[in-house]
């Protein structure tokens, strides 16, 4: 075992042995904790209120945008004459299918490169 003592560690222990001067230290700490909790709660309520107001103001434009995106992603890349072929290749024969396939391929490449 080493008999050398770290001066910084010794000073920390000596500081910890001193008595606290303030009698209401615990009360002050609890007041700060309560104030912090109150501020966090008020902040959360403000964020929720902001999101609700934003939802009320933008509900129609957001719904229209989602509808347009849904229609655009379902667009077929190649027109297929046969109905059963259309059903079979529907997941791959669309813009959404192309995006999904590209993302899946990127994930596979990433996993192979990282391992």
C-alpha atoms as a PDB file:
ATOM      1  CA  UNK A   1       0.000   0.000   0.000  1.00  0.00           C
ATOM      2  CA  UNK A   2       1.194   3.507  -0.747  1.00  0.00           C
ATOM      3  CA  UNK A   3       1.895   5.804   2.225  1.00  0.00           C
ATOM      4  CA  UNK A   4       1.871   9.002   0.138  1.00  0.00           C
ATOM      5  CA  UNK A   5      -1.219  11.128   0.506  1.00  0.00           C
ATOM      6  CA  UNK A   6      -2.693  13.365  -2.117  1.00  0.00           C
ATOM      7  CA  UNK A   7      -2.734  16.982  -0.830  1.00  0.00           C
ATOM      8  CA  UNK A   8      -5.876  17.831  -2.787  1.00  0.00           C
ATOM      9  CA  UNK A   9      -7.717  14.858  -1.349  1.00  0.00           C
ATOM     10  CA  UNK A  10      -6.506  15.750   2.143  1.00  0.00           C
ATOM     11  CA  UNK A  11      -7.810  19.312   1.749  1.00  0.00           C
ATOM     12  CA  UNK A  12     -11.216  17.999   0.636  1.00  0.00           C
ATOM     13  CA  UNK A  13     -11.448  15.792   3.705  1.00  0.00           C
ATOM     14  CA  UNK A  14     -10.444  18.676   5.974  1.00  0.00           C
ATOM     15  CA  UNK A  15     -13.116  20.900   4.422  1.00  0.00           C
ATOM     16  CA  UNK A  16     -15.727  18.193   4.937  1.00  0.00           C
ATOM     17  CA  UNK A  17     -14.976  18.034   8.678  1.00  0.00           C
ATOM     18  CA  UNK A  18     -15.875  21.688   9.255  1.00  0.00           C
ATOM     19  CA  UNK A  19     -19.267  22.539  10.666  1.00  0.00           C
ATOM     20  CA  UNK A  20     -21.699  24.475   8.506  1.00  0.00           C
ATOM     21  CA  UNK A  21     -22.206  27.992   9.771  1.00  0.00           C
ATOM     22  CA  UNK A  22     -25.771  28.426   8.601  1.00  0.00           C
ATOM     23  CA  UNK A  23     -28.511  26.800  10.620  1.00  0.00           C
ATOM     24  CA  UNK A  24     -31.100  26.886   7.869  1.00  0.00           C
ATOM     25  CA  UNK A  25     -28.943  25.250   5.167  1.00  0.00           C
ATOM     26  CA  UNK A  26     -31.413  22.422   4.594  1.00  0.00           C
ATOM     27  CA  UNK A  27     -34.325  24.835   4.380  1.00  0.00           C
ATOM     28  CA  UNK A  28     -32.501  26.918   1.764  1.00  0.00           C
ATOM     29  CA  UNK A  29     -31.672  23.856  -0.314  1.00  0.00           C
ATOM     30  CA  UNK A  30     -35.274  22.640  -0.158  1.00  0.00           C
ATOM     31  CA  UNK A  31     -36.531  26.110  -1.138  1.00  0.00           C
ATOM     32  CA  UNK A  32     -34.244  26.079  -4.189  1.00  0.00           C
ATOM     33  CA  UNK A  33     -35.410  22.578  -5.114  1.00  0.00           C
ATOM     34  CA  UNK A  34     -39.041  23.619  -4.802  1.00  0.00           C
ATOM     35  CA  UNK A  35     -38.440  26.768  -6.878  1.00  0.00           C
ATOM     36  CA  UNK A  36     -36.703  24.695  -9.577  1.00  0.00           C
ATOM     37  CA  UNK A  37     -39.563  22.168  -9.585  1.00  0.00           C
ATOM     38  CA  UNK A  38     -42.093  24.982  -9.898  1.00  0.00           C
ATOM     39  CA  UNK A  39     -40.174  26.585 -12.795  1.00  0.00           C
ATOM     40  CA  UNK A  40     -39.955  23.254 -14.628  1.00  0.00           C
ATOM     41  CA  UNK A  41     -43.685  22.668 -14.162  1.00  0.00           C
ATOM     42  CA  UNK A  42     -44.534  26.164 -15.443  1.00  0.00           C
ATOM     43  CA  UNK A  43     -42.213  25.616 -18.419  1.00  0.00           C
ATOM     44  CA  UNK A  44     -43.904  22.319 -19.246  1.00  0.00           C
ATOM     45  CA  UNK A  45     -47.343  23.921 -19.096  1.00  0.00           C
ATOM     46  CA  UNK A  46     -46.139  26.728 -21.362  1.00  0.00           C
ATOM     47  CA  UNK A  47     -44.789  24.235 -23.909  1.00  0.00           C
ATOM     48  CA  UNK A  48     -48.045  22.251 -23.876  1.00  0.00           C
ATOM     49  CA  UNK A  49     -50.082  25.440 -24.304  1.00  0.00           C
ATOM     50  CA  UNK A  50     -47.852  26.527 -27.192  1.00  0.00           C
ATOM     51  CA  UNK A  51     -48.263  23.160 -28.907  1.00  0.00           C
ATOM     52  CA  UNK A  52     -52.053  23.276 -28.473  1.00  0.00           C
ATOM     53  CA  UNK A  53     -52.255  26.795 -29.927  1.00  0.00           C
ATOM     54  CA  UNK A  54     -49.980  25.788 -32.799  1.00  0.00           C
ATOM     55  CA  UNK A  55     -52.150  22.731 -33.464  1.00  0.00           C
ATOM     56  CA  UNK A  56     -55.299  24.864 -33.532  1.00  0.00           C
ATOM     57  CA  UNK A  57     -53.749  27.401 -35.889  1.00  0.00           C
ATOM     58  CA  UNK A  58     -52.102  24.928 -38.246  1.00  0.00           C
ATOM     59  CA  UNK A  59     -54.486  21.971 -38.196  1.00  0.00           C
ATOM     60  CA  UNK A  60     -55.985  22.546 -41.669  1.00  0.00           C
ATOM     61  CA  UNK A  61     -52.680  23.311 -43.449  1.00  0.00           C
ATOM     62  CA  UNK A  62     -50.997  20.348 -41.757  1.00  0.00           C
ATOM     63  CA  UNK A  63     -53.819  18.017 -42.763  1.00  0.00           C
ATOM     64  CA  UNK A  64     -53.671  19.253 -46.361  1.00  0.00           C
ATOM     65  CA  UNK A  65     -49.897  18.832 -46.446  1.00  0.00           C
ATOM     66  CA  UNK A  66     -50.142  15.314 -45.018  1.00  0.00           C
ATOM     67  CA  UNK A  67     -52.746  14.426 -47.643  1.00  0.00           C
ATOM     68  CA  UNK A  68     -50.590  15.725 -50.490  1.00  0.00           C
ATOM     69  CA  UNK A  69     -47.525  13.870 -49.177  1.00  0.00           C
ATOM     70  CA  UNK A  70     -49.539  10.657 -48.807  1.00  0.00           C
ATOM     71  CA  UNK A  71     -50.780  10.903 -52.393  1.00  0.00           C
ATOM     72  CA  UNK A  72     -47.299  11.713 -53.694  1.00  0.00           C
ATOM     73  CA  UNK A  73     -45.649   8.806 -51.865  1.00  0.00           C
ATOM     74  CA  UNK A  74     -48.222   6.367 -53.254  1.00  0.00           C
ATOM     75  CA  UNK A  75     -47.496   7.316 -56.873  1.00  0.00           C
ATOM     76  CA  UNK A  76     -46.477   4.306 -58.978  1.00  0.00           C
ATOM     77  CA  UNK A  77     -43.051   4.380 -60.569  1.00  0.00           C
ATOM     78  CA  UNK A  78     -43.879   1.946 -63.393  1.00  0.00           C
ATOM     79  CA  UNK A  79     -47.363   1.350 -64.745  1.00  0.00           C
ATOM     80  CA  UNK A  80     -48.249  -2.354 -64.675  1.00  0.00           C
ATOM     81  CA  UNK A  81     -51.099  -3.706 -66.841  1.00  0.00           C
ATOM     82  CA  UNK A  82     -51.989  -6.767 -64.789  1.00  0.00           C
ATOM     83  CA  UNK A  83     -53.940  -6.139 -61.604  1.00  0.00           C
ATOM     84  CA  UNK A  84     -52.387  -9.000 -59.644  1.00  0.00           C
ATOM     85  CA  UNK A  85     -48.859  -7.848 -60.575  1.00  0.00           C
ATOM     86  CA  UNK A  86     -49.806  -4.383 -59.392  1.00  0.00           C
ATOM     87  CA  UNK A  87     -50.867  -5.826 -56.014  1.00  0.00           C
ATOM     88  CA  UNK A  88     -47.721  -7.978 -55.739  1.00  0.00           C
ATOM     89  CA  UNK A  89     -45.293  -5.168 -56.565  1.00  0.00           C
ATOM     90  CA  UNK A  90     -47.231  -2.359 -54.844  1.00  0.00           C
ATOM     91  CA  UNK A  91     -44.854  -2.098 -51.859  1.00  0.00           C
ATOM     92  CA  UNK A  92     -41.850  -1.709 -54.174  1.00  0.00           C
ATOM     93  CA  UNK A  93     -43.473   0.123 -57.098  1.00  0.00           C
ATOM     94  CA  UNK A  94     -44.007   3.459 -55.383  1.00  0.00           C
ATOM     95  CA  UNK A  95     -41.991   6.438 -54.252  1.00  0.00           C
ATOM     96  CA  UNK A  96     -42.480   5.381 -50.619  1.00  0.00           C
ATOM     97  CA  UNK A  97     -41.259   1.863 -51.450  1.00  0.00           C
ATOM     98  CA  UNK A  98     -38.204   3.290 -53.198  1.00  0.00           C
ATOM     99  CA  UNK A  99     -37.409   5.526 -50.216  1.00  0.00           C
ATOM    100  CA  UNK A 100     -37.913   2.606 -47.809  1.00  0.00           C
ATOM    101  CA  UNK A 101     -35.687   0.316 -49.873  1.00  0.00           C
ATOM    102  CA  UNK A 102     -32.933   2.943 -50.034  1.00  0.00           C
ATOM    103  CA  UNK A 103     -33.120   3.540 -46.266  1.00  0.00           C
ATOM    104  CA  UNK A 104     -33.047  -0.200 -45.579  1.00  0.00           C
ATOM    105  CA  UNK A 105     -30.018  -0.596 -47.837  1.00  0.00           C
ATOM    106  CA  UNK A 106     -28.261   2.282 -46.086  1.00  0.00           C
ATOM    107  CA  UNK A 107     -28.953   0.671 -42.705  1.00  0.00           C
ATOM    108  CA  UNK A 108     -27.527  -2.673 -43.881  1.00  0.00           C
ATOM    109  CA  UNK A 109     -24.418  -0.946 -45.241  1.00  0.00           C
ATOM    110  CA  UNK A 110     -23.986   1.012 -42.033  1.00  0.00           C
ATOM    111  CA  UNK A 111     -24.223  -2.130 -39.890  1.00  0.00           C
ATOM    112  CA  UNK A 112     -21.685  -3.941 -42.053  1.00  0.00           C
ATOM    113  CA  UNK A 113     -19.293  -0.991 -41.946  1.00  0.00           C
ATOM    114  CA  UNK A 114     -19.581  -0.529 -38.174  1.00  0.00           C
ATOM    115  CA  UNK A 115     -19.137  -4.191 -37.235  1.00  0.00           C
END
